[in-house]
Amino acid sequence: MGTYLPARPTKFCLACNRVIDAEAVVCTSCGVMQPLPRELATDKRILPAGLLCFFLGVFGAHRFYVGKIGTGLLQLFTLGGLGIWMLVDLIMLVSGQFRDKDGNRITEWT
């Protein structure tokens, strides 16, 4: 009797239309980035969060925008960790590593 291996879910690459793993971030055939699954996506965007961080980051405005009220208040009272915390957040935003209140990465610019 053979071993049963469950089939992993698949999807089509947006660029080359080849079948890839449903959780793939990059197509293994053409190397094009794939959108995040809906359950991992967020409606927050990098551009508004980045502008808020750049201009009002010492007041934690970008953290209020993404729903992180508690850390937004901490940044407000510490002036963005004397600017250091704000600078780290700005770098994380631009590099696509910043997360919203639900833990989803903010990856879309507009």
PDB file of N, CA and C in Angstrom:
ATOM      1  N   MET A   1       0.834  -1.173   0.000  1.00  0.00           N
ATOM      2  CA  MET A   1       0.000   0.000   0.000  1.00  0.00           C
ATOM      3  C   MET A   1       0.882   1.242   0.000  1.00  0.00           C
ATOM      4  N   GLY A   2       0.569   2.219  -0.838  1.00  0.00           N
ATOM      5  CA  GLY A   2       1.364   3.428  -0.968  1.00  0.00           C
ATOM      6  C   GLY A   2       1.068   4.435   0.131  1.00  0.00           C
ATOM      7  N   THR A   3       1.924   5.406   0.233  1.00  0.00           N
ATOM      8  CA  THR A   3       1.755   6.476   1.210  1.00  0.00           C
ATOM      9  C   THR A   3       0.918   7.580   0.590  1.00  0.00           C
ATOM     10  N   TYR A   4      -0.017   8.105   1.356  1.00  0.00           N
ATOM     11  CA  TYR A   4      -0.867   9.192   0.878  1.00  0.00           C
ATOM     12  C   TYR A   4      -0.251  10.526   1.266  1.00  0.00           C
ATOM     13  N   LEU A   5       0.024  11.358   0.296  1.00  0.00           N
ATOM     14  CA  LEU A   5       0.517  12.700   0.535  1.00  0.00           C
ATOM     15  C   LEU A   5      -0.549  13.690   0.078  1.00  0.00           C
ATOM     16  N   PRO A   6      -1.053  14.501   0.984  1.00  0.00           N
ATOM     17  CA  PRO A   6      -2.085  15.455   0.569  1.00  0.00           C
ATOM     18  C   PRO A   6      -1.511  16.487  -0.399  1.00  0.00           C
ATOM     19  N   ALA A   7      -2.302  16.859  -1.370  1.00  0.00           N
ATOM     20  CA  ALA A   7      -1.887  17.870  -2.352  1.00  0.00           C
ATOM     21  C   ALA A   7      -1.970  19.248  -1.719  1.00  0.00           C
ATOM     22  N   ARG A   8      -0.935  20.053  -1.945  1.00  0.00           N
ATOM     23  CA  ARG A   8      -0.942  21.427  -1.432  1.00  0.00           C
ATOM     24  C   ARG A   8      -1.755  22.295  -2.375  1.00  0.00           C
ATOM     25  N   PRO A   9      -2.419  23.293  -1.830  1.00  0.00           N
ATOM     26  CA  PRO A   9      -3.179  24.193  -2.701  1.00  0.00           C
ATOM     27  C   PRO A   9      -2.255  24.974  -3.637  1.00  0.00           C
ATOM     28  N   THR A  10      -2.742  25.272  -4.817  1.00  0.00           N
ATOM     29  CA  THR A  10      -1.949  25.982  -5.815  1.00  0.00           C
ATOM     30  C   THR A  10      -2.701  27.214  -6.314  1.00  0.00           C
ATOM     31  N   LYS A  11      -1.977  28.050  -7.051  1.00  0.00           N
ATOM     32  CA  LYS A  11      -2.549  29.212  -7.717  1.00  0.00           C
ATOM     33  C   LYS A  11      -1.739  29.456  -8.980  1.00  0.00           C
ATOM     34  N   PHE A  12      -2.206  30.384  -9.810  1.00  0.00           N
ATOM     35  CA  PHE A  12      -1.494  30.732 -11.033  1.00  0.00           C
ATOM     36  C   PHE A  12      -0.671  31.991 -10.811  1.00  0.00           C
ATOM     37  N   CYS A  13       0.552  32.006 -11.328  1.00  0.00           N
ATOM     38  CA  CYS A  13       1.395  33.197 -11.287  1.00  0.00           C
ATOM     39  C   CYS A  13       0.734  34.296 -12.098  1.00  0.00           C
ATOM     40  N   LEU A  14       0.782  35.518 -11.579  1.00  0.00           N
ATOM     41  CA  LEU A  14       0.158  36.642 -12.273  1.00  0.00           C
ATOM     42  C   LEU A  14       0.914  37.044 -13.533  1.00  0.00           C
ATOM     43  N   ALA A  15       2.199  36.707 -13.612  1.00  0.00           N
ATOM     44  CA  ALA A  15       3.004  37.133 -14.755  1.00  0.00           C
ATOM     45  C   ALA A  15       3.117  36.047 -15.831  1.00  0.00           C
ATOM     46  N   CYS A  16       3.527  34.848 -15.439  1.00  0.00           N
ATOM     47  CA  CYS A  16       3.780  33.799 -16.435  1.00  0.00           C
ATOM     48  C   CYS A  16       2.665  32.761 -16.500  1.00  0.00           C
ATOM     49  N   ASN A  17       1.699  32.834 -15.607  1.00  0.00           N
ATOM     50  CA  ASN A  17       0.517  31.972 -15.580  1.00  0.00           C
ATOM     51  C   ASN A  17       0.841  30.502 -15.316  1.00  0.00           C
ATOM     52  N   ARG A  18       1.993  30.218 -14.727  1.00  0.00           N
ATOM     53  CA  ARG A  18       2.320  28.839 -14.357  1.00  0.00           C
ATOM     54  C   ARG A  18       1.732  28.518 -12.992  1.00  0.00           C
ATOM     55  N   VAL A  19       1.502  27.257 -12.727  1.00  0.00           N
ATOM     56  CA  VAL A  19       0.957  26.829 -11.449  1.00  0.00           C
ATOM     57  C   VAL A  19       2.063  26.861 -10.399  1.00  0.00           C
ATOM     58  N   ILE A  20       1.797  27.562  -9.279  1.00  0.00           N
ATOM     59  CA  ILE A  20       2.754  27.648  -8.178  1.00  0.00           C
ATOM     60  C   ILE A  20       2.025  27.354  -6.880  1.00  0.00           C
ATOM     61  N   ASP A  21       2.768  27.170  -5.811  1.00  0.00           N
ATOM     62  CA  ASP A  21       2.194  26.929  -4.500  1.00  0.00           C
ATOM     63  C   ASP A  21       1.348  28.129  -4.082  1.00  0.00           C
ATOM     64  N   ALA A  22       0.216  27.889  -3.439  1.00  0.00           N
ATOM     65  CA  ALA A  22      -0.707  28.961  -3.065  1.00  0.00           C
ATOM     66  C   ALA A  22      -0.097  29.931  -2.064  1.00  0.00           C
ATOM     67  N   GLU A  23       0.895  29.506  -1.300  1.00  0.00           N
ATOM     68  CA  GLU A  23       1.520  30.374  -0.313  1.00  0.00           C
ATOM     69  C   GLU A  23       2.809  31.009  -0.812  1.00  0.00           C
ATOM     70  N   ALA A  24       3.122  30.819  -2.092  1.00  0.00           N
ATOM     71  CA  ALA A  24       4.358  31.366  -2.649  1.00  0.00           C
ATOM     72  C   ALA A  24       4.305  32.885  -2.680  1.00  0.00           C
ATOM     73  N   VAL A  25       5.416  33.498  -2.287  1.00  0.00           N
ATOM     74  CA  VAL A  25       5.533  34.953  -2.318  1.00  0.00           C
ATOM     75  C   VAL A  25       6.141  35.392  -3.644  1.00  0.00           C
ATOM     76  N   VAL A  26       7.002  34.541  -4.192  1.00  0.00           N
ATOM     77  CA  VAL A  26       7.666  34.807  -5.470  1.00  0.00           C
ATOM     78  C   VAL A  26       7.465  33.589  -6.363  1.00  0.00           C
ATOM     79  N   CYS A  27       7.173  33.828  -7.632  1.00  0.00           N
ATOM     80  CA  CYS A  27       7.020  32.730  -8.585  1.00  0.00           C
ATOM     81  C   CYS A  27       8.369  32.036  -8.772  1.00  0.00           C
ATOM     82  N   THR A  28       8.374  30.716  -8.690  1.00  0.00           N
ATOM     83  CA  THR A  28       9.615  29.963  -8.840  1.00  0.00           C
ATOM     84  C   THR A  28      10.070  29.892 -10.295  1.00  0.00           C
ATOM     85  N   SER A  29       9.179  30.209 -11.224  1.00  0.00           N
ATOM     86  CA  SER A  29       9.538  30.169 -12.641  1.00  0.00           C
ATOM     87  C   SER A  29      10.081  31.495 -13.151  1.00  0.00           C
ATOM     88  N   CYS A  30       9.347  32.582 -12.892  1.00  0.00           N
ATOM     89  CA  CYS A  30       9.741  33.875 -13.467  1.00  0.00           C
ATOM     90  C   CYS A  30      10.275  34.865 -12.438  1.00  0.00           C
ATOM     91  N   GLY A  31      10.106  34.591 -11.139  1.00  0.00           N
ATOM     92  CA  GLY A  31      10.650  35.455 -10.100  1.00  0.00           C
ATOM     93  C   GLY A  31       9.820  36.678  -9.761  1.00  0.00           C
ATOM     94  N   VAL A  32       8.587  36.763 -10.270  1.00  0.00           N
ATOM     95  CA  VAL A  32       7.726  37.914 -10.017  1.00  0.00           C
ATOM     96  C   VAL A  32       7.053  37.758  -8.651  1.00  0.00           C
ATOM     97  N   MET A  33       7.033  38.872  -7.878  1.00  0.00           N
ATOM     98  CA  MET A  33       6.366  38.873  -6.575  1.00  0.00           C
ATOM     99  C   MET A  33       4.872  38.620  -6.758  1.00  0.00           C
ATOM    100  N   GLN A  34       4.304  37.847  -5.852  1.00  0.00           N
ATOM    101  CA  GLN A  34       2.883  37.533  -5.880  1.00  0.00           C
ATOM    102  C   GLN A  34       2.181  38.280  -4.746  1.00  0.00           C
ATOM    103  N   PRO A  35       0.923  38.639  -4.922  1.00  0.00           N
ATOM    104  CA  PRO A  35       0.209  39.328  -3.844  1.00  0.00           C
ATOM    105  C   PRO A  35       0.000  38.388  -2.663  1.00  0.00           C
ATOM    106  N   LEU A  36      -0.122  38.981  -1.483  1.00  0.00           N
ATOM    107  CA  LEU A  36      -0.373  38.187  -0.292  1.00  0.00           C
ATOM    108  C   LEU A  36      -1.781  37.620  -0.329  1.00  0.00           C
ATOM    109  N   PRO A  37      -2.003  36.472   0.300  1.00  0.00           N
ATOM    110  CA  PRO A  37      -3.370  35.955   0.397  1.00  0.00           C
ATOM    111  C   PRO A  37      -4.248  36.953   1.144  1.00  0.00           C
ATOM    112  N   ARG A  38      -5.538  36.984   0.833  1.00  0.00           N
ATOM    113  CA  ARG A  38      -6.461  37.953   1.427  1.00  0.00           C
ATOM    114  C   ARG A  38      -6.437  37.921   2.945  1.00  0.00           C
ATOM    115  N   GLU A  39      -6.294  36.731   3.535  1.00  0.00           N
ATOM    116  CA  GLU A  39      -6.314  36.653   4.992  1.00  0.00           C
ATOM    117  C   GLU A  39      -5.074  37.278   5.633  1.00  0.00           C
ATOM    118  N   LEU A  40      -4.023  37.488   4.862  1.00  0.00           N
ATOM    119  CA  LEU A  40      -2.810  38.111   5.379  1.00  0.00           C
ATOM    120  C   LEU A  40      -2.670  39.560   4.923  1.00  0.00           C
ATOM    121  N   ALA A  41      -3.578  40.023   4.090  1.00  0.00           N
ATOM    122  CA  ALA A  41      -3.485  41.376   3.556  1.00  0.00           C
ATOM    123  C   ALA A  41      -4.072  42.378   4.551  1.00  0.00           C
ATOM    124  N   THR A  42      -3.667  43.619   4.420  1.00  0.00           N
ATOM    125  CA  THR A  42      -4.181  44.696   5.244  1.00  0.00           C
ATOM    126  C   THR A  42      -4.612  45.837   4.337  1.00  0.00           C
ATOM    127  N   ASP A  43      -5.539  46.652   4.806  1.00  0.00           N
ATOM    128  CA  ASP A  43      -5.988  47.787   3.998  1.00  0.00           C
ATOM    129  C   ASP A  43      -5.099  49.011   4.205  1.00  0.00           C
ATOM    130  N   LYS A  44      -4.120  48.924   5.094  1.00  0.00           N
ATOM    131  CA  LYS A  44      -3.187  50.028   5.336  1.00  0.00           C
ATOM    132  C   LYS A  44      -2.116  50.031   4.257  1.00  0.00           C
ATOM    133  N   ARG A  45      -1.597  51.211   3.932  1.00  0.00           N
ATOM    134  CA  ARG A  45      -0.621  51.369   2.857  1.00  0.00           C
ATOM    135  C   ARG A  45       0.659  52.016   3.353  1.00  0.00           C
ATOM    136  N   ILE A  46       1.765  51.735   2.669  1.00  0.00           N
ATOM    137  CA  ILE A  46       3.077  52.248   3.065  1.00  0.00           C
ATOM    138  C   ILE A  46       3.170  53.763   2.881  1.00  0.00           C
ATOM    139  N   LEU A  47       2.669  54.284   1.748  1.00  0.00           N
ATOM    140  CA  LEU A  47       2.838  55.705   1.466  1.00  0.00           C
ATOM    141  C   LEU A  47       2.231  56.609   2.541  1.00  0.00           C
ATOM    142  N   PRO A  48       0.949  56.445   2.909  1.00  0.00           N
ATOM    143  CA  PRO A  48       0.424  57.323   3.964  1.00  0.00           C
ATOM    144  C   PRO A  48       1.112  57.094   5.308  1.00  0.00           C
ATOM    145  N   ALA A  49       1.401  55.841   5.631  1.00  0.00           N
ATOM    146  CA  ALA A  49       2.083  55.559   6.902  1.00  0.00           C
ATOM    147  C   ALA A  49       3.483  56.159   6.897  1.00  0.00           C
ATOM    148  N   GLY A  50       4.187  56.069   5.770  1.00  0.00           N
ATOM    149  CA  GLY A  50       5.527  56.632   5.667  1.00  0.00           C
ATOM    150  C   GLY A  50       5.535  58.148   5.771  1.00  0.00           C
ATOM    151  N   LEU A  51       4.563  58.791   5.121  1.00  0.00           N
ATOM    152  CA  LEU A  51       4.474  60.248   5.210  1.00  0.00           C
ATOM    153  C   LEU A  51       4.135  60.692   6.634  1.00  0.00           C
ATOM    154  N   LEU A  52       3.214  59.977   7.267  1.00  0.00           N
ATOM    155  CA  LEU A  52       2.887  60.291   8.659  1.00  0.00           C
ATOM    156  C   LEU A  52       4.107  60.104   9.554  1.00  0.00           C
ATOM    157  N   CYS A  53       4.861  59.033   9.309  1.00  0.00           N
ATOM    158  CA  CYS A  53       6.060  58.766  10.111  1.00  0.00           C
ATOM    159  C   CYS A  53       7.111  59.844   9.883  1.00  0.00           C
ATOM    160  N   PHE A  54       7.305  60.247   8.633  1.00  0.00           N
ATOM    161  CA  PHE A  54       8.327  61.233   8.323  1.00  0.00           C
ATOM    162  C   PHE A  54       7.999  62.605   8.916  1.00  0.00           C
ATOM    163  N   PHE A  55       6.747  63.041   8.753  1.00  0.00           N
ATOM    164  CA  PHE A  55       6.380  64.385   9.197  1.00  0.00           C
ATOM    165  C   PHE A  55       5.883  64.452  10.643  1.00  0.00           C
ATOM    166  N   LEU A  56       5.192  63.413  11.112  1.00  0.00           N
ATOM    167  CA  LEU A  56       4.608  63.438  12.455  1.00  0.00           C
ATOM    168  C   LEU A  56       5.018  62.221  13.289  1.00  0.00           C
ATOM    169  N   GLY A  57       6.116  61.588  12.902  1.00  0.00           N
ATOM    170  CA  GLY A  57       6.550  60.362  13.570  1.00  0.00           C
ATOM    171  C   GLY A  57       6.889  60.530  15.030  1.00  0.00           C
ATOM    172  N   VAL A  58       7.412  61.683  15.412  1.00  0.00           N
ATOM    173  CA  VAL A  58       7.751  61.883  16.825  1.00  0.00           C
ATOM    174  C   VAL A  58       6.497  61.917  17.697  1.00  0.00           C
ATOM    175  N   PHE A  59       5.329  62.101  17.074  1.00  0.00           N
ATOM    176  CA  PHE A  59       4.064  62.076  17.803  1.00  0.00           C
ATOM    177  C   PHE A  59       3.347  60.733  17.656  1.00  0.00           C
ATOM    178  N   GLY A  60       3.944  59.792  16.931  1.00  0.00           N
ATOM    179  CA  GLY A  60       3.379  58.454  16.776  1.00  0.00           C
ATOM    180  C   GLY A  60       2.193  58.382  15.828  1.00  0.00           C
ATOM    181  N   ALA A  61       2.041  59.361  14.942  1.00  0.00           N
ATOM    182  CA  ALA A  61       0.877  59.409  14.051  1.00  0.00           C
ATOM    183  C   ALA A  61       0.761  58.163  13.173  1.00  0.00           C
ATOM    184  N   HIS A  62       1.878  57.643  12.687  1.00  0.00           N
ATOM    185  CA  HIS A  62       1.849  56.455  11.835  1.00  0.00           C
ATOM    186  C   HIS A  62       1.363  55.235  12.609  1.00  0.00           C
ATOM    187  N   ARG A  63       1.671  55.162  13.893  1.00  0.00           N
ATOM    188  CA  ARG A  63       1.209  54.034  14.704  1.00  0.00           C
ATOM    189  C   ARG A  63      -0.292  54.119  14.964  1.00  0.00           C
ATOM    190  N   PHE A  64      -0.813  55.326  15.134  1.00  0.00           N
ATOM    191  CA  PHE A  64      -2.260  55.482  15.264  1.00  0.00           C
ATOM    192  C   PHE A  64      -2.941  55.076  13.954  1.00  0.00           C
ATOM    193  N   TYR A  65      -2.329  55.412  12.813  1.00  0.00           N
ATOM    194  CA  TYR A  65      -2.879  55.074  11.498  1.00  0.00           C
ATOM    195  C   TYR A  65      -3.023  53.566  11.322  1.00  0.00           C
ATOM    196  N   VAL A  66      -2.038  52.780  11.758  1.00  0.00           N
ATOM    197  CA  VAL A  66      -2.099  51.328  11.573  1.00  0.00           C
ATOM    198  C   VAL A  66      -2.820  50.620  12.717  1.00  0.00           C
ATOM    199  N   GLY A  67      -3.321  51.381  13.681  1.00  0.00           N
ATOM    200  CA  GLY A  67      -4.121  50.797  14.756  1.00  0.00           C
ATOM    201  C   GLY A  67      -3.362  50.439  16.011  1.00  0.00           C
ATOM    202  N   LYS A  68      -2.086  50.785  16.095  1.00  0.00           N
ATOM    203  CA  LYS A  68      -1.280  50.481  17.279  1.00  0.00           C
ATOM    204  C   LYS A  68      -1.375  51.649  18.253  1.00  0.00           C
ATOM    205  N   ILE A  69      -2.513  51.746  18.930  1.00  0.00           N
ATOM    206  CA  ILE A  69      -2.810  52.890  19.785  1.00  0.00           C
ATOM    207  C   ILE A  69      -1.863  52.961  20.988  1.00  0.00           C
ATOM    208  N   GLY A  70      -1.607  51.829  21.626  1.00  0.00           N
ATOM    209  CA  GLY A  70      -0.747  51.807  22.815  1.00  0.00           C
ATOM    210  C   GLY A  70       0.659  52.304  22.541  1.00  0.00           C
ATOM    211  N   THR A  71       1.290  51.764  21.494  1.00  0.00           N
ATOM    212  CA  THR A  71       2.644  52.210  21.169  1.00  0.00           C
ATOM    213  C   THR A  71       2.632  53.598  20.548  1.00  0.00           C
ATOM    214  N   GLY A  72       1.493  53.981  19.943  1.00  0.00           N
ATOM    215  CA  GLY A  72       1.357  55.351  19.449  1.00  0.00           C
ATOM    216  C   GLY A  72       1.387  56.340  20.601  1.00  0.00           C
ATOM    217  N   LEU A  73       0.711  55.996  21.691  1.00  0.00           N
ATOM    218  CA  LEU A  73       0.736  56.852  22.883  1.00  0.00           C
ATOM    219  C   LEU A  73       2.135  56.913  23.492  1.00  0.00           C
ATOM    220  N   LEU A  74       2.826  55.760  23.511  1.00  0.00           N
ATOM    221  CA  LEU A  74       4.203  55.756  24.023  1.00  0.00           C
ATOM    222  C   LEU A  74       5.101  56.658  23.190  1.00  0.00           C
ATOM    223  N   GLN A  75       4.946  56.605  21.865  1.00  0.00           N
ATOM    224  CA  GLN A  75       5.753  57.486  21.013  1.00  0.00           C
ATOM    225  C   GLN A  75       5.373  58.942  21.221  1.00  0.00           C
ATOM    226  N   LEU A  76       4.096  59.192  21.442  1.00  0.00           N
ATOM    227  CA  LEU A  76       3.649  60.557  21.677  1.00  0.00           C
ATOM    228  C   LEU A  76       4.300  61.139  22.926  1.00  0.00           C
ATOM    229  N   PHE A  77       4.350  60.354  24.001  1.00  0.00           N
ATOM    230  CA  PHE A  77       4.882  60.844  25.266  1.00  0.00           C
ATOM    231  C   PHE A  77       6.406  60.850  25.332  1.00  0.00           C
ATOM    232  N   THR A  78       7.065  60.065  24.463  1.00  0.00           N
ATOM    233  CA  THR A  78       8.531  60.034  24.461  1.00  0.00           C
ATOM    234  C   THR A  78       9.127  60.737  23.247  1.00  0.00           C
ATOM    235  N   LEU A  79       8.255  61.437  22.484  1.00  0.00           N
ATOM    236  CA  LEU A  79       8.667  62.091  21.239  1.00  0.00           C
ATOM    237  C   LEU A  79       9.360  61.114  20.288  1.00  0.00           C
ATOM    238  N   GLY A  80       8.682  60.009  20.073  1.00  0.00           N
ATOM    239  CA  GLY A  80       9.199  59.005  19.134  1.00  0.00           C
ATOM    240  C   GLY A  80      10.462  58.349  19.626  1.00  0.00           C
ATOM    241  N   GLY A  81      10.562  58.165  20.958  1.00  0.00           N
ATOM    242  CA  GLY A  81      11.790  57.588  21.517  1.00  0.00           C
ATOM    243  C   GLY A  81      12.970  58.488  21.217  1.00  0.00           C
ATOM    244  N   LEU A  82      12.734  59.809  21.366  1.00  0.00           N
ATOM    245  CA  LEU A  82      13.726  60.848  21.046  1.00  0.00           C
ATOM    246  C   LEU A  82      14.177  60.751  19.590  1.00  0.00           C
ATOM    247  N   GLY A  83      13.261  60.329  18.726  1.00  0.00           N
ATOM    248  CA  GLY A  83      13.523  60.266  17.295  1.00  0.00           C
ATOM    249  C   GLY A  83      14.087  58.942  16.816  1.00  0.00           C
ATOM    250  N   ILE A  84      14.657  58.150  17.724  1.00  0.00           N
ATOM    251  CA  ILE A  84      15.277  56.882  17.322  1.00  0.00           C
ATOM    252  C   ILE A  84      14.213  55.868  16.925  1.00  0.00           C
ATOM    253  N   TRP A  85      13.163  55.729  17.758  1.00  0.00           N
ATOM    254  CA  TRP A  85      12.084  54.793  17.498  1.00  0.00           C
ATOM    255  C   TRP A  85      11.389  55.153  16.186  1.00  0.00           C
ATOM    256  N   MET A  86      11.188  56.442  15.962  1.00  0.00           N
ATOM    257  CA  MET A  86      10.558  56.917  14.731  1.00  0.00           C
ATOM    258  C   MET A  86      11.415  56.563  13.514  1.00  0.00           C
ATOM    259  N   LEU A  87      12.712  56.735  13.616  1.00  0.00           N
ATOM    260  CA  LEU A  87      13.617  56.424  12.511  1.00  0.00           C
ATOM    261  C   LEU A  87      13.608  54.930  12.196  1.00  0.00           C
ATOM    262  N   VAL A  88      13.600  54.100  13.231  1.00  0.00           N
ATOM    263  CA  VAL A  88      13.533  52.647  13.027  1.00  0.00           C
ATOM    264  C   VAL A  88      12.224  52.278  12.334  1.00  0.00           C
ATOM    265  N   ASP A  89      11.108  52.888  12.778  1.00  0.00           N
ATOM    266  CA  ASP A  89       9.810  52.623  12.145  1.00  0.00           C
ATOM    267  C   ASP A  89       9.818  53.045  10.679  1.00  0.00           C
ATOM    268  N   LEU A  90      10.424  54.161  10.362  1.00  0.00           N
ATOM    269  CA  LEU A  90      10.481  54.637   8.981  1.00  0.00           C
ATOM    270  C   LEU A  90      11.254  53.659   8.100  1.00  0.00           C
ATOM    271  N   ILE A  91      12.363  53.155   8.606  1.00  0.00           N
ATOM    272  CA  ILE A  91      13.154  52.168   7.858  1.00  0.00           C
ATOM    273  C   ILE A  91      12.351  50.884   7.665  1.00  0.00           C
ATOM    274  N   MET A  92      11.654  50.459   8.708  1.00  0.00           N
ATOM    275  CA  MET A  92      10.833  49.244   8.598  1.00  0.00           C
ATOM    276  C   MET A  92       9.681  49.439   7.618  1.00  0.00           C
ATOM    277  N   LEU A  93       9.091  50.622   7.594  1.00  0.00           N
ATOM    278  CA  LEU A  93       8.008  50.906   6.643  1.00  0.00           C
ATOM    279  C   LEU A  93       8.503  50.819   5.208  1.00  0.00           C
ATOM    280  N   VAL A  94       9.595  51.496   4.914  1.00  0.00           N
ATOM    281  CA  VAL A  94      10.121  51.536   3.548  1.00  0.00           C
ATOM    282  C   VAL A  94      10.585  50.155   3.084  1.00  0.00           C
ATOM    283  N   SER A  95      11.094  49.348   4.003  1.00  0.00           N
ATOM    284  CA  SER A  95      11.569  48.012   3.628  1.00  0.00           C
ATOM    285  C   SER A  95      10.455  46.968   3.610  1.00  0.00           C
ATOM    286  N   GLY A  96       9.229  47.369   3.980  1.00  0.00           N
ATOM    287  CA  GLY A  96       8.095  46.434   3.941  1.00  0.00           C
ATOM    288  C   GLY A  96       8.011  45.499   5.121  1.00  0.00           C
ATOM    289  N   GLN A  97       8.659  45.817   6.224  1.00  0.00           N
ATOM    290  CA  GLN A  97       8.663  44.957   7.401  1.00  0.00           C
ATOM    291  C   GLN A  97       7.735  45.447   8.512  1.00  0.00           C
ATOM    292  N   PHE A  98       7.134  46.610   8.353  1.00  0.00           N
ATOM    293  CA  PHE A  98       6.259  47.180   9.387  1.00  0.00           C
ATOM    294  C   PHE A  98       4.926  46.436   9.386  1.00  0.00           C
ATOM    295  N   ARG A  99       4.354  46.220  10.561  1.00  0.00           N
ATOM    296  CA  ARG A  99       3.118  45.451  10.686  1.00  0.00           C
ATOM    297  C   ARG A  99       2.006  46.300  11.292  1.00  0.00           C
ATOM    298  N   ASP A 100       0.761  45.949  10.939  1.00  0.00           N
ATOM    299  CA  ASP A 100      -0.384  46.649  11.507  1.00  0.00           C
ATOM    300  C   ASP A 100      -0.773  46.015  12.841  1.00  0.00           C
ATOM    301  N   LYS A 101      -1.889  46.451  13.418  1.00  0.00           N
ATOM    302  CA  LYS A 101      -2.292  45.970  14.744  1.00  0.00           C
ATOM    303  C   LYS A 101      -2.598  44.479  14.765  1.00  0.00           C
ATOM    304  N   ASP A 102      -2.948  43.888  13.619  1.00  0.00           N
ATOM    305  CA  ASP A 102      -3.259  42.459  13.543  1.00  0.00           C
ATOM    306  C   ASP A 102      -2.022  41.614  13.241  1.00  0.00           C
ATOM    307  N   GLY A 103      -0.867  42.250  13.072  1.00  0.00           N
ATOM    308  CA  GLY A 103       0.366  41.523  12.785  1.00  0.00           C
ATOM    309  C   GLY A 103       0.608  41.293  11.308  1.00  0.00           C
ATOM    310  N   ASN A 104      -0.215  41.868  10.442  1.00  0.00           N
ATOM    311  CA  ASN A 104      -0.029  41.727   8.998  1.00  0.00           C
ATOM    312  C   ASN A 104       0.962  42.764   8.492  1.00  0.00           C
ATOM    313  N   ARG A 105       1.896  42.317   7.646  1.00  0.00           N
ATOM    314  CA  ARG A 105       2.874  43.241   7.077  1.00  0.00           C
ATOM    315  C   ARG A 105       2.202  44.209   6.130  1.00  0.00           C
ATOM    316  N   ILE A 106       2.614  45.461   6.162  1.00  0.00           N
ATOM    317  CA  ILE A 106       2.119  46.479   5.248  1.00  0.00           C
ATOM    318  C   ILE A 106       3.058  46.477   4.048  1.00  0.00           C
ATOM    319  N   THR A 107       2.554  45.999   2.913  1.00  0.00           N
ATOM    320  CA  THR A 107       3.430  45.783   1.763  1.00  0.00           C
ATOM    321  C   THR A 107       3.042  46.597   0.542  1.00  0.00           C
ATOM    322  N   GLU A 108       1.826  47.104   0.464  1.00  0.00           N
ATOM    323  CA  GLU A 108       1.362  47.861  -0.694  1.00  0.00           C
ATOM    324  C   GLU A 108       1.658  49.338  -0.509  1.00  0.00           C
ATOM    325  N   TRP A 109       2.137  50.008  -1.563  1.00  0.00           N
ATOM    326  CA  TRP A 109       2.480  51.430  -1.458  1.00  0.00           C
ATOM    327  C   TRP A 109       1.257  52.332  -1.533  1.00  0.00           C
ATOM    328  N   THR A 110       0.346  52.054  -2.485  1.00  0.00           N
ATOM    329  CA  THR A 110      -0.845  52.912  -2.616  1.00  0.00           C
ATOM    330  C   THR A 110      -2.099  52.094  -2.706  1.00  0.00           C
TER     331      THR A 110
END
